[in-house]
Protein backbone atom coordinates (compact mmCIF):
# COMPACT_ATOMS: atom_id res chain seq x y z
CA MET A 1 -33.98 374.76 242.38
CA LYS A 2 -31.27 372.50 240.93
CA ASN A 3 -30.96 372.06 237.23
CA LYS A 4 -32.45 368.81 235.98
CA ILE A 5 -30.06 366.62 234.00
CA ASN A 6 -31.55 364.40 231.33
CA LEU A 7 -29.52 361.17 231.10
CA PRO A 8 -29.65 359.23 227.85
CA ILE A 9 -31.66 356.01 227.86
CA LEU A 10 -29.45 353.10 226.85
CA ASN A 11 -30.82 350.35 224.68
CA GLN A 12 -30.09 346.71 225.42
CA SER A 13 -27.00 346.53 223.21
CA GLN A 14 -25.45 349.60 224.94
CA ARG A 15 -25.86 348.32 228.49
CA MET A 16 -23.08 346.45 230.22
CA THR A 17 -23.10 343.86 232.96
CA ARG A 18 -21.37 344.36 236.30
CA ARG A 19 -18.68 341.93 235.19
CA GLU A 20 -18.05 343.96 232.04
CA LEU A 21 -17.87 347.19 234.06
CA ILE A 22 -15.27 345.73 236.42
CA PHE A 23 -13.34 344.33 233.47
CA ARG A 24 -13.23 347.65 231.64
CA ALA A 25 -12.48 349.68 234.74
CA GLY A 26 -9.93 347.42 236.40
CA ALA A 27 -8.51 345.00 233.88
CA GLY A 28 -6.98 347.71 231.72
CA PHE A 29 -3.99 346.68 229.66
CA SER A 30 -4.19 343.05 230.76
CA GLY A 31 -7.72 342.94 229.36
CA LEU A 32 -6.49 344.31 226.04
CA ALA A 33 -3.76 341.67 225.92
CA LEU A 34 -6.24 338.90 226.70
CA ALA A 35 -8.64 340.15 224.03
CA ALA A 36 -5.83 340.10 221.46
CA LEU A 37 -4.91 336.53 222.33
CA LEU A 38 -8.54 335.39 222.16
CA ASP A 39 -8.95 337.07 218.80
CA GLN A 40 -5.89 335.26 217.46
CA ASP A 41 -7.52 331.95 218.45
CA ASP A 42 -10.75 332.99 216.69
CA LEU A 43 -12.60 333.18 220.01
CA LEU A 44 -13.74 336.76 219.52
CA ALA A 45 -15.92 338.05 216.74
CA ALA A 46 -13.65 339.76 214.21
CA GLU A 47 -16.67 341.17 212.40
CA PRO A 48 -20.00 342.26 213.88
CA GLN A 49 -21.95 340.06 211.50
CA ARG A 50 -19.63 337.03 211.43
CA LYS A 51 -21.67 333.88 210.92
CA ARG A 52 -21.73 331.52 213.87
CA ALA A 53 -20.42 328.02 213.08
CA ASN A 54 -22.77 325.09 213.57
CA PRO A 55 -21.05 322.78 216.12
CA LEU A 56 -22.84 319.77 214.60
CA ALA A 57 -21.98 320.44 210.96
CA ALA A 58 -20.86 317.26 209.20
CA LYS A 59 -17.08 316.73 209.22
CA PRO A 60 -14.92 314.38 207.16
CA ALA A 61 -13.51 311.27 208.80
CA MET A 62 -9.79 311.17 209.57
CA PHE A 63 -9.33 308.21 207.21
CA PRO A 64 -11.62 306.14 204.94
CA ALA A 65 -14.09 303.98 206.85
CA LYS A 66 -17.30 302.11 206.05
CA ALA A 67 -19.23 302.96 209.22
CA LYS A 68 -21.18 306.23 209.19
CA SER A 69 -23.32 305.65 212.28
CA VAL A 70 -23.40 303.55 215.46
CA ILE A 71 -26.18 301.64 217.20
CA PHE A 72 -25.03 300.62 220.69
CA LEU A 73 -27.25 297.94 222.25
CA PHE A 74 -26.51 298.33 225.97
CA MET A 75 -27.61 295.43 228.19
CA TYR A 76 -27.70 297.29 231.50
CA GLY A 77 -26.96 295.24 234.62
CA GLY A 78 -24.30 292.88 233.30
CA VAL A 79 -25.02 289.93 231.00
CA SER A 80 -23.62 286.53 231.99
CA HIS A 81 -21.20 285.61 229.23
CA VAL A 82 -20.95 281.99 230.40
CA ASP A 83 -24.70 281.63 229.81
CA THR A 84 -24.91 283.39 226.43
CA PHE A 85 -21.81 283.52 224.18
CA ASP A 86 -18.95 281.89 226.11
CA PRO A 87 -19.54 278.15 226.69
CA LYS A 88 -17.45 276.51 229.43
CA PRO A 89 -17.48 272.68 229.51
CA GLU A 90 -15.14 272.72 232.51
CA LEU A 91 -17.70 274.77 234.42
CA THR A 92 -20.24 272.04 233.82
CA ARG A 93 -17.74 269.31 234.68
CA HIS A 94 -16.82 270.89 238.02
CA HIS A 95 -20.28 272.12 239.01
CA GLY A 96 -20.64 272.45 242.77
CA LYS A 97 -16.91 272.45 243.47
CA PRO A 98 -14.86 275.40 244.79
CA MET A 99 -13.17 277.51 242.12
CA ASN A 100 -9.44 277.02 242.61
CA LYS A 101 -8.36 280.49 241.49
CA GLY A 102 -7.08 281.96 244.74
CA LYS A 103 -8.99 284.88 246.21
CA VAL A 104 -12.17 285.53 244.23
CA ASP A 105 -13.05 289.19 243.79
CA VAL A 106 -16.83 289.37 244.27
CA PHE A 107 -19.06 292.38 244.91
CA PHE A 108 -21.35 290.94 247.60
CA GLY A 109 -18.82 288.72 249.36
CA ASN A 110 -19.16 285.04 250.38
CA PRO A 111 -18.37 283.48 247.00
CA GLY A 112 -20.12 280.19 246.36
CA ASN A 113 -19.02 277.16 244.38
CA LEU A 114 -18.86 276.79 240.62
CA MET A 115 -22.29 276.84 238.99
CA ALA A 116 -22.85 275.29 235.58
CA SER A 117 -24.96 277.10 233.06
CA PRO A 118 -28.57 275.88 232.98
CA TYR A 119 -28.60 276.53 229.23
CA LYS A 120 -27.32 274.40 226.37
CA PHE A 121 -24.90 275.67 223.72
CA LYS A 122 -24.91 274.70 220.06
CA LYS A 123 -22.73 275.49 217.05
CA HIS A 124 -24.30 277.69 214.38
CA GLY A 125 -23.54 278.98 210.89
CA GLN A 126 -20.57 278.25 208.67
CA SER A 127 -18.28 279.60 211.40
CA GLY A 128 -19.52 276.99 213.89
CA ILE A 129 -19.52 279.49 216.74
CA GLU A 130 -21.37 278.23 219.80
CA VAL A 131 -24.29 280.28 221.09
CA SER A 132 -26.64 279.61 224.00
CA GLU A 133 -30.19 278.41 223.46
CA LEU A 134 -31.22 281.75 225.01
CA TYR A 135 -30.59 283.39 221.61
CA PRO A 136 -32.22 281.17 218.93
CA HIS A 137 -32.82 284.07 216.51
CA LEU A 138 -29.51 285.85 217.04
CA ALA A 139 -27.68 282.52 216.66
CA GLN A 140 -28.85 282.47 213.03
CA LYS A 141 -26.87 285.69 212.48
CA VAL A 142 -23.64 284.44 214.08
CA ASP A 143 -21.74 284.59 210.77
CA ASP A 144 -22.35 288.36 210.79
CA LEU A 145 -21.04 288.78 214.35
CA CYS A 146 -17.53 289.34 215.67
CA LEU A 147 -17.52 288.14 219.28
CA VAL A 148 -14.87 289.52 221.64
CA ARG A 149 -14.83 287.03 224.50
CA SER A 150 -12.03 288.60 226.54
CA VAL A 151 -13.18 292.11 227.47
CA TYR A 152 -12.35 293.36 230.96
CA THR A 153 -13.06 296.52 232.93
CA THR A 154 -11.96 298.09 236.21
CA SER A 155 -14.89 298.34 238.62
CA ASN A 156 -17.31 295.67 239.81
CA ASN A 157 -19.83 298.34 240.87
CA HIS A 158 -22.62 299.22 238.43
CA SER A 159 -22.40 303.02 238.44
CA PRO A 160 -18.64 303.48 237.86
CA ALA A 161 -18.59 300.52 235.45
CA ILE A 162 -21.40 302.02 233.35
CA PHE A 163 -19.69 305.41 233.35
CA GLN A 164 -16.48 303.72 232.21
CA MET A 165 -18.21 301.78 229.44
CA ASN A 166 -19.89 304.98 228.27
CA SER A 167 -17.07 307.50 228.72
CA GLY A 168 -13.82 305.68 229.45
CA ASN A 169 -13.79 307.11 232.98
CA MET A 170 -15.36 305.70 236.14
CA ARG A 171 -16.36 309.17 237.32
CA PRO A 172 -19.21 311.25 235.87
CA GLY A 173 -18.55 314.55 234.14
CA ASN A 174 -16.70 313.25 231.09
CA PRO A 175 -17.89 313.17 227.48
CA SER A 176 -19.60 309.94 226.52
CA LEU A 177 -18.66 307.78 223.54
CA GLY A 178 -21.57 309.21 221.55
CA SER A 179 -20.37 312.73 222.30
CA TRP A 180 -16.87 311.93 221.04
CA VAL A 181 -18.26 310.44 217.82
CA THR A 182 -20.52 313.44 217.12
CA TYR A 183 -17.71 315.84 218.07
CA GLY A 184 -15.44 314.11 215.58
CA LEU A 185 -17.91 313.68 212.72
CA GLY A 186 -20.83 316.03 213.32
CA SER A 187 -24.28 315.16 211.99
CA GLU A 188 -25.78 314.45 208.58
CA ASN A 189 -29.25 315.57 209.71
CA GLU A 190 -30.19 319.14 210.65
CA ASN A 191 -33.68 318.22 211.87
CA LEU A 192 -32.83 315.57 214.46
CA PRO A 193 -30.22 315.33 217.23
CA ALA A 194 -26.94 313.76 216.22
CA TYR A 195 -26.90 311.57 219.34
CA ILE A 196 -30.07 309.87 220.60
CA VAL A 197 -30.63 307.61 223.62
CA MET A 198 -33.63 305.35 224.24
CA TYR A 199 -33.88 303.59 227.58
CA ASP A 200 -35.98 300.78 228.99
CA TRP A 201 -39.63 301.21 229.97
CA ARG A 202 -38.67 300.10 233.52
CA GLY A 203 -36.34 303.07 233.96
CA GLY A 204 -32.94 304.36 233.02
CA PRO A 205 -29.53 303.02 234.07
CA ILE A 206 -27.88 303.91 237.38
CA GLY A 207 -26.25 307.32 237.02
CA GLY A 208 -28.95 308.56 234.65
CA ALA A 209 -28.30 311.34 232.13
CA PRO A 210 -24.55 311.76 232.90
CA ASN A 211 -24.12 308.47 231.01
CA TRP A 212 -24.85 310.33 227.77
CA SER A 213 -23.45 313.69 228.85
CA SER A 214 -21.06 315.80 226.76
CA GLY A 215 -19.05 316.44 229.94
CA PHE A 216 -16.55 319.26 229.46
CA MET A 217 -17.38 319.53 225.76
CA PRO A 218 -19.97 322.00 224.43
CA ALA A 219 -23.52 321.01 225.33
CA ALA A 220 -24.38 320.52 221.64
CA PHE A 221 -22.68 317.10 221.74
CA GLN A 222 -24.73 315.59 224.56
CA GLY A 223 -27.24 312.79 223.97
CA THR A 224 -30.97 313.47 223.67
CA ALA A 225 -33.29 310.99 225.36
CA PHE A 226 -36.18 309.75 223.20
CA ARG A 227 -39.24 307.89 224.42
CA SER A 228 -41.15 305.37 222.36
CA GLY A 229 -44.43 306.38 220.74
CA ASN A 230 -45.35 309.44 218.70
CA VAL A 231 -44.23 311.88 221.42
CA PRO A 232 -40.49 311.15 221.69
CA ILE A 233 -39.74 314.23 223.82
CA VAL A 234 -41.99 315.65 226.54
CA ASP A 235 -43.44 319.07 225.67
CA LEU A 236 -41.88 319.00 222.21
CA ASN A 237 -45.12 319.81 220.40
CA PRO A 238 -46.76 323.22 221.01
CA PRO A 239 -50.41 323.51 222.05
CA LYS A 240 -52.91 323.26 219.18
CA TRP A 241 -53.89 326.92 219.54
CA VAL A 242 -50.33 328.11 218.75
CA ASP A 243 -50.06 329.37 215.19
CA PRO A 244 -46.97 327.83 213.52
CA HIS A 245 -46.18 331.08 211.66
CA LEU A 246 -46.21 333.04 214.92
CA GLN A 247 -44.04 330.40 216.55
CA ARG A 248 -41.56 330.64 213.65
CA ALA A 249 -41.47 334.41 214.12
CA GLU A 250 -40.93 333.99 217.86
CA VAL A 251 -38.04 331.57 217.33
CA ASP A 252 -36.48 333.91 214.77
CA PHE A 253 -36.72 336.82 217.22
CA ILE A 254 -35.12 334.79 220.02
CA GLN A 255 -32.37 333.66 217.66
CA LYS A 256 -31.74 337.27 216.65
CA MET A 257 -31.37 338.33 220.29
CA ASN A 258 -29.12 335.36 221.04
CA GLN A 259 -26.99 336.10 217.99
CA GLU A 260 -26.53 339.74 219.04
CA HIS A 261 -25.49 338.55 222.49
CA HIS A 262 -23.19 335.97 220.93
CA GLU A 263 -21.38 338.65 218.93
CA ARG A 264 -20.49 340.39 222.21
CA HIS A 265 -19.61 337.13 223.99
CA ALA A 266 -18.04 334.89 221.35
CA GLY A 267 -16.65 331.56 222.47
CA ASN A 268 -19.49 330.81 224.90
CA SER A 269 -20.25 327.13 224.18
CA ASP A 270 -23.44 327.16 226.24
CA LEU A 271 -24.76 330.02 224.12
CA ASP A 272 -23.71 328.23 220.92
CA ALA A 273 -25.61 325.17 222.06
CA ARG A 274 -28.66 327.22 223.05
CA ILE A 275 -28.82 328.93 219.66
CA ALA A 276 -28.50 325.59 217.87
CA SER A 277 -31.03 323.91 220.17
CA TYR A 278 -33.76 326.51 219.55
CA GLU A 279 -33.64 325.92 215.82
CA LEU A 280 -33.26 322.16 216.22
CA ALA A 281 -36.22 322.00 218.61
CA PHE A 282 -38.39 323.88 216.12
CA GLN A 283 -37.42 321.50 213.30
CA MET A 284 -37.89 318.46 215.53
CA GLN A 285 -41.56 319.26 216.08
CA THR A 286 -42.23 317.71 212.69
CA SER A 287 -39.13 315.53 212.16
CA ALA A 288 -38.99 313.68 215.50
CA PRO A 289 -42.61 312.40 215.56
CA GLU A 290 -42.23 311.24 211.96
CA ALA A 291 -38.94 309.47 212.72
CA VAL A 292 -40.42 307.41 215.57
CA ASP A 293 -43.76 306.75 213.86
CA ILE A 294 -43.64 303.11 212.71
CA SER A 295 -47.28 302.96 211.59
CA LYS A 296 -46.32 303.07 207.92
CA GLU A 297 -43.87 300.20 208.23
CA SER A 298 -45.04 296.95 206.62
CA GLU A 299 -46.52 294.19 208.75
CA ALA A 300 -43.69 291.92 207.64
CA THR A 301 -41.13 294.41 208.99
CA LYS A 302 -42.95 294.74 212.30
CA LYS A 303 -43.13 290.96 212.62
CA LEU A 304 -39.39 290.74 211.95
CA TYR A 305 -38.75 292.84 215.06
CA GLY A 306 -41.33 291.05 217.22
CA ILE A 307 -43.64 294.06 217.34
CA GLY A 308 -47.11 293.04 218.47
CA GLU A 309 -45.77 290.21 220.62
CA LYS A 310 -46.02 290.85 224.36
CA THR A 311 -42.44 289.95 225.25
CA THR A 312 -40.63 291.64 222.36
CA ASP A 313 -42.90 294.57 221.49
CA TYR A 314 -41.14 297.35 223.43
CA PHE A 315 -37.52 296.57 222.54
CA GLY A 316 -38.61 295.66 219.03
CA ARG A 317 -40.06 299.14 218.58
CA GLN A 318 -36.86 300.69 219.89
CA CYS A 319 -34.75 298.69 217.43
CA LEU A 320 -37.01 299.58 214.51
CA VAL A 321 -36.88 303.26 215.45
CA ALA A 322 -33.07 302.96 215.59
CA ARG A 323 -33.08 301.76 211.98
CA ARG A 324 -35.32 304.67 210.98
CA LEU A 325 -32.98 307.13 212.74
CA VAL A 326 -29.97 305.69 210.92
CA GLU A 327 -31.81 306.15 207.62
CA ARG A 328 -32.30 309.82 208.52
CA GLY A 329 -28.64 310.48 209.22
CA VAL A 330 -28.50 310.27 213.02
CA ARG A 331 -24.90 309.61 213.95
CA PHE A 332 -25.06 307.71 217.28
CA ILE A 333 -27.97 305.81 218.84
CA GLN A 334 -27.88 303.98 222.15
CA LEU A 335 -30.61 301.55 223.24
CA TYR A 336 -30.85 300.29 226.82
CA SER A 337 -32.31 296.90 227.69
CA GLY A 338 -33.12 296.61 231.37
CA GLY A 339 -33.97 299.41 233.77
CA GLY A 340 -34.39 300.05 237.46
CA HIS A 341 -32.71 297.57 239.77
CA GLN A 342 -32.11 293.85 240.30
CA GLN A 343 -34.37 291.58 238.23
CA GLU A 344 -35.74 294.52 236.22
CA SER A 345 -32.25 294.78 234.70
CA TRP A 346 -29.73 292.07 233.78
CA ASP A 347 -28.46 292.09 237.38
CA ALA A 348 -28.92 288.38 238.09
CA HIS A 349 -28.09 288.15 241.79
CA TYR A 350 -31.36 286.62 242.90
CA GLY A 351 -32.22 284.20 240.12
CA LEU A 352 -30.12 283.79 236.99
CA HIS A 353 -32.58 281.51 235.20
CA GLU A 354 -35.58 283.78 235.70
CA ASN A 355 -33.58 286.92 234.89
CA HIS A 356 -31.78 285.88 231.72
CA THR A 357 -34.64 283.84 230.32
CA LEU A 358 -36.79 286.99 230.42
CA HIS A 359 -34.30 289.56 229.16
CA CYS A 360 -32.86 287.38 226.40
CA ALA A 361 -36.39 286.64 225.18
CA GLU A 362 -37.13 290.40 225.15
CA THR A 363 -34.09 291.24 223.03
CA ASP A 364 -33.28 288.19 220.87
CA LYS A 365 -35.79 288.59 218.06
CA PRO A 366 -35.58 292.44 217.92
CA MET A 367 -31.77 292.41 217.64
CA SER A 368 -31.81 289.67 215.03
CA GLY A 369 -34.49 291.59 213.13
CA LEU A 370 -32.43 294.77 213.30
CA ILE A 371 -29.40 293.08 211.75
CA GLN A 372 -31.49 291.45 209.02
CA ASP A 373 -33.39 294.66 208.26
CA LEU A 374 -30.23 296.77 208.05
CA LYS A 375 -28.63 294.17 205.82
CA SER A 376 -31.60 293.90 203.45
CA ARG A 377 -31.70 297.69 203.03
CA GLY A 378 -27.97 298.02 202.38
CA LEU A 379 -27.43 299.84 205.67
CA LEU A 380 -25.40 297.28 207.62
CA ASP A 381 -22.15 298.14 205.83
CA SER A 382 -22.48 301.77 206.95
CA THR A 383 -23.87 301.03 210.43
CA LEU A 384 -21.74 299.67 213.26
CA VAL A 385 -23.87 297.68 215.72
CA VAL A 386 -22.28 297.12 219.15
CA TRP A 387 -23.65 294.84 221.90
CA GLY A 388 -22.59 294.62 225.54
CA GLY A 389 -23.10 295.67 229.14
CA GLU A 390 -20.97 297.19 231.87
CA PHE A 391 -19.44 293.82 232.91
CA GLY A 392 -20.19 290.08 233.02
CA ARG A 393 -21.22 287.61 235.73
CA MET A 394 -19.28 285.21 237.92
CA PRO A 395 -18.97 281.49 237.11
CA ILE A 396 -19.67 280.78 240.77
CA SER A 397 -23.07 280.82 242.41
CA GLN A 398 -24.58 283.46 244.65
CA SER A 399 -27.02 281.92 247.13
CA GLY A 400 -27.19 278.91 244.83
CA ILE A 401 -29.40 280.62 242.22
CA GLY A 402 -27.70 283.81 241.02
CA ARG A 403 -24.39 285.17 239.78
CA ASP A 404 -22.40 288.14 241.13
CA HIS A 405 -20.70 290.90 239.12
CA ASN A 406 -17.59 289.99 237.12
CA PRO A 407 -15.44 292.78 235.59
CA HIS A 408 -12.48 290.46 234.90
CA GLY A 409 -13.77 288.86 231.73
CA PHE A 410 -16.93 289.10 229.63
CA THR A 411 -18.22 289.18 226.04
CA MET A 412 -19.13 291.97 223.65
CA TRP A 413 -19.89 291.72 219.94
CA MET A 414 -19.98 293.92 216.87
CA THR A 415 -21.41 293.64 213.39
CA GLY A 416 -21.62 295.81 210.27
CA GLY A 417 -19.48 298.87 209.60
CA GLY A 418 -16.51 297.00 208.13
CA VAL A 419 -16.46 294.32 210.85
CA LYS A 420 -15.43 290.79 209.85
CA GLY A 421 -18.21 288.47 210.98
CA GLY A 422 -18.11 284.81 211.92
CA GLN A 423 -15.19 285.07 214.34
CA ALA A 424 -14.66 284.89 218.10
CA LEU A 425 -11.62 286.76 219.46
CA GLY A 426 -9.92 286.20 222.78
CA ALA A 427 -10.94 283.86 225.56
CA THR A 428 -11.56 283.73 229.29
CA ASP A 429 -10.09 280.96 231.47
CA GLU A 430 -11.60 277.49 231.66
CA TYR A 431 -14.36 278.70 234.00
CA GLY A 432 -15.00 282.13 232.49
CA TYR A 433 -13.61 284.09 235.45
CA LYS A 434 -10.83 286.15 233.84
CA ALA A 435 -9.83 287.27 230.35
CA GLU A 436 -6.81 285.09 229.64
CA VAL A 437 -6.18 284.92 225.88
CA GLU A 438 -5.81 288.31 224.15
CA PRO A 439 -7.44 290.35 226.93
CA TYR A 440 -8.99 293.60 225.69
CA SER A 441 -9.88 296.54 227.93
CA VAL A 442 -12.91 298.80 227.62
CA HIS A 443 -10.48 301.39 226.24
CA ASP A 444 -9.47 298.98 223.47
CA MET A 445 -13.14 298.59 222.59
CA HIS A 446 -13.56 302.37 222.46
CA ALA A 447 -10.52 302.75 220.21
CA THR A 448 -11.94 300.04 217.95
CA ILE A 449 -15.35 301.74 217.67
CA LEU A 450 -13.70 305.06 216.80
CA ARG A 451 -11.53 303.36 214.18
CA ALA A 452 -14.60 301.80 212.59
CA MET A 453 -15.95 305.35 212.23
CA GLY A 454 -12.75 306.61 210.62
CA LEU A 455 -11.47 308.34 213.77
CA ASP A 456 -7.98 307.95 215.25
CA HIS A 457 -8.43 307.78 219.02
CA ARG A 458 -4.97 309.32 219.53
CA LYS A 459 -5.76 312.37 217.40
CA LEU A 460 -9.38 312.89 218.44
CA THR A 461 -8.72 315.33 221.28
CA TYR A 462 -10.41 318.19 223.09
CA TYR A 463 -8.41 320.74 225.06
CA TYR A 464 -9.63 321.00 228.65
CA GLY A 465 -8.03 321.34 232.05
CA GLY A 466 -4.65 322.29 230.63
CA ARG A 467 -4.23 319.27 228.37
CA ASP A 468 -5.56 317.54 225.27
CA GLN A 469 -8.19 315.12 226.56
CA ARG A 470 -9.11 311.87 224.79
CA LEU A 471 -11.78 309.23 225.13
CA THR A 472 -8.86 306.85 225.64
CA ASN A 473 -6.98 308.90 228.25
CA PHE A 474 -6.21 305.68 230.13
CA GLY A 475 -4.79 303.80 227.15
CA GLY A 476 -6.28 301.56 224.51
CA ASP A 477 -5.56 300.36 220.98
CA PRO A 478 -7.96 299.37 218.22
CA ILE A 479 -8.47 295.63 217.81
CA LEU A 480 -7.46 295.29 214.17
CA LYS A 481 -8.58 291.65 213.97
CA VAL A 482 -12.16 292.90 214.26
CA PHE A 483 -12.08 294.32 210.74
CA ALA A 484 -12.33 292.54 207.42
């Protein structure tokens, strides 16, 4: 009978994966050299108990700036600038005539004749800036707004244009604007995500979650989608029978196991994000419901946002929640108006009047209320509010009732955060087809938003793919005229 050999039983920390076995057996001296280089770059744990850095810890700005947070009001589908903020008398004068601009670049083909706006424009405020009758409440805040009437983008297709507006790149897989801001500045709240997205009740934008992705950055910088109501995230709250003390113990045990694994595999961004997300999720079970609960807000505040009114209730709630999130230190918030396709969004192919009358009515009072509420609470100076969509609409008609996509010239506006209000920068041509005076690209807008937050777009980089990547990889300069 052969002698029985008792092999030692290895605990979890002593076991190795197949990859580790191959590395130790075959990599040899090259593995030692690689480990030394990684350690020099602080990518390996120098000490067994070295504390893991929080990727969302607050960081100082690169230079002094007023803005501490951003609220991006995204009008998904493409707002018609010539019907909202960019009046064109020549368009009215030449209604029904061909647009003499050479070949017209339209998305659906068969460009029609010039189509005058069905809406009247009127001067408002001390600045005398003209605003469409579609925005009666927002027009009263025009002296707080800086309109940029000459923005242009690259694609006339929704998906790549939305990706470009959100990330600077027409392809998915790149960090979004919110990810760059939170990467550069971190978060001032440990109980809520640094970057929160709230989309329309009719659905999200084309492209979905990649629009608020962290791309090649660590997952900790991606956006978190919130719903309206007291349950902002599905399955966030545990069942009633779960004891909170036992849950705390369970989370602590999981964190301990993750931390031990992290010490053997330092530099794993997915693991960093997972460790941070477990603790954040636990804290959010009490913080997130409280943040979106508007029941304790005064009736006057709710009325200011249009809450309780059929048309404005949903977007009004989103805007009020955005203000509450800013108060609690959330760094970047993006609200979507419009969801799904065609008339459910701002995509006015098949009826401009019906489309824009509805969506402007849904958003006018809530956005005006947001600006007024932020201002009255002393938050507007530290909050940059940005408004816009992925592109504009054509000055010519589509089937006589709608307008096609127009990436060549459209309007965006900003307020708060050090922005000089009561001004309109740039201009499109006499019909509103192309940005003609001081044209500004999407990349210029991105550089401007980063500057408002105290971030230099040229120095805010992340090493990936063999080079230092930027939000403004394809160019861009901050529009200094925007600022006071």
